[in-house]
Protein backbone atom coordinates (compact mmCIF):
# COMPACT_ATOMS: atom_id res chain seq x y z
CA MET A 1 0.00 0.00 0.00
CA THR A 2 2.82 2.42 0.81
CA GLY A 3 4.33 1.88 -2.65
CA GLU A 4 0.99 2.61 -4.33
CA TRP A 5 0.47 5.73 -2.19
CA HIS A 6 3.93 7.00 -3.06
CA ARG A 7 3.45 6.25 -6.76
CA ALA A 8 0.05 7.97 -6.76
CA TRP A 9 1.68 11.12 -5.39
CA GLU A 10 4.48 10.90 -7.93
CA LEU A 11 1.86 10.77 -10.70
CA ALA A 12 -0.01 13.74 -9.19
CA LEU A 13 3.22 15.76 -9.05
CA ASP A 14 4.04 14.71 -12.63
CA GLU A 15 0.72 16.21 -13.73
CA LEU A 16 1.30 19.42 -11.79
CA GLU A 17 4.85 19.70 -13.07
CA ALA A 18 3.67 19.22 -16.66
CA ASP A 19 1.22 22.10 -16.23
CA VAL A 20 3.89 24.49 -14.93
CA ALA A 21 6.31 23.35 -17.66
CA GLN A 22 3.63 24.21 -20.22
CA VAL A 23 3.25 27.72 -18.79
CA GLU A 24 7.03 28.19 -18.69
CA ALA A 25 7.26 27.08 -22.32
CA MET A 26 4.51 29.52 -23.31
CA ILE A 27 6.40 32.37 -21.64
CA ILE A 28 9.61 31.49 -23.45
CA ASP A 29 7.99 30.71 -26.79
CA ASP A 30 5.23 33.32 -26.93
CA HIS A 31 4.26 32.85 -30.58
CA ARG A 32 3.35 29.20 -29.98
CA ALA A 33 1.29 29.96 -26.87
CA ARG A 34 -1.87 30.31 -28.91
CA GLU A 35 -1.47 26.77 -30.27
CA ARG A 36 -1.47 25.11 -26.86
CA PRO A 37 -4.55 24.52 -24.74
CA ALA A 38 -4.61 26.32 -21.41
CA ALA A 39 -3.51 24.32 -18.40
CA GLY A 40 -6.46 23.12 -16.37
CA SER A 41 -6.91 23.77 -12.70
CA TRP A 42 -5.24 21.29 -10.38
CA SER A 43 -6.37 20.07 -6.99
CA PRO A 44 -4.42 17.73 -4.75
CA PRO A 45 -5.83 14.23 -5.00
CA SER A 46 -8.03 13.60 -1.97
CA GLU A 47 -8.10 9.81 -2.26
CA ILE A 48 -4.37 9.19 -1.80
CA GLY A 49 -3.71 10.87 1.54
CA ALA A 50 -0.93 13.20 2.58
CA LEU A 51 2.13 13.95 0.47
CA PRO A 52 5.04 11.61 1.27
CA VAL A 53 7.83 13.44 3.12
CA ASP A 54 10.49 12.49 0.57
CA LEU A 55 8.43 14.14 -2.21
CA ARG A 56 8.20 17.46 -0.33
CA PRO A 57 11.35 18.95 -1.94
CA ARG A 58 9.94 18.20 -5.40
CA ALA A 59 6.57 19.70 -4.49
CA ASP A 60 8.31 22.79 -3.08
CA ALA A 61 10.37 23.14 -6.28
CA ILE A 62 7.21 22.90 -8.41
CA LEU A 63 5.56 25.55 -6.24
CA ALA A 64 8.57 27.85 -6.66
CA ARG A 65 8.40 27.37 -10.43
CA GLN A 66 4.66 28.09 -10.41
CA LEU A 67 5.18 31.32 -8.50
CA ALA A 68 7.99 32.39 -10.85
CA ALA A 69 5.85 31.54 -13.87
CA ALA A 70 2.90 33.49 -12.46
CA GLN A 71 5.16 36.50 -11.91
CA ALA A 72 6.57 36.22 -15.45
CA VAL A 73 3.04 36.03 -16.87
CA SER A 74 2.05 39.10 -14.87
CA ILE A 75 5.08 41.03 -16.14
CA ALA A 76 4.39 39.92 -19.72
CA LEU A 77 0.75 40.98 -19.46
CA THR A 78 1.73 44.39 -18.12
CA ALA A 79 4.26 44.87 -20.92
CA ASN A 80 1.67 43.72 -23.44
CA ARG A 81 -0.88 46.18 -22.09
CA ARG A 82 1.63 49.04 -22.29
CA GLN A 83 2.55 48.09 -25.84
CA ALA A 84 -1.12 47.97 -26.84
CA GLU A 85 -1.72 51.40 -25.28
CA ALA A 86 1.28 52.83 -27.16
CA ALA A 87 0.09 51.29 -30.41
CA ALA A 88 -3.38 52.75 -29.88
CA ARG A 89 -1.87 56.24 -29.58
CA ILE A 90 -0.14 55.99 -32.95
CA GLU A 91 -2.06 57.90 -35.56
CA ALA A 92 -3.21 55.65 -38.32
CA GLY A 93 -4.59 58.48 -40.41
CA SER A 94 -7.19 58.11 -43.09
CA ARG A 95 -7.19 58.52 -46.86
CA SER A 96 -9.60 61.46 -46.74
CA GLU A 97 -7.27 63.59 -44.61
CA PRO A 98 -3.91 64.87 -45.83
CA SER A 99 -1.05 63.01 -44.27
CA ARG A 100 1.19 64.79 -41.81
CA PRO A 101 4.93 64.84 -42.29
CA ALA A 102 6.76 62.13 -40.39
CA TYR A 103 9.76 64.42 -39.86
CA ILE A 104 10.88 67.96 -40.48
CA ASP A 105 13.87 68.46 -42.73
CA CYS A 106 16.04 71.09 -41.06
CA ALA A 107 18.98 70.77 -43.44
CA ALA A 108 20.05 74.06 -44.90
């Protein structure tokens, strides 16, 4: 029974680790993020009992990665929002209005 309990927790951590690896990959490889399905929510399995003590370092490492990934996503979203705001301020102009000069030639 102890071996099955331990293996069940290893499988649960594998699933959680795969989710955080997917988020990390999306952060690194932004253009492919749209091709991947979003990671689902994860809940600790209730039927297998408490986490084995020897798996605690792995669980702590996964948690640290999750927190770092969440921070990176937050930073990326903020940068994205700022870029979108800057792009929105750029004048697109229209064909019915005369275009404005992009620069002033001050050469004499």
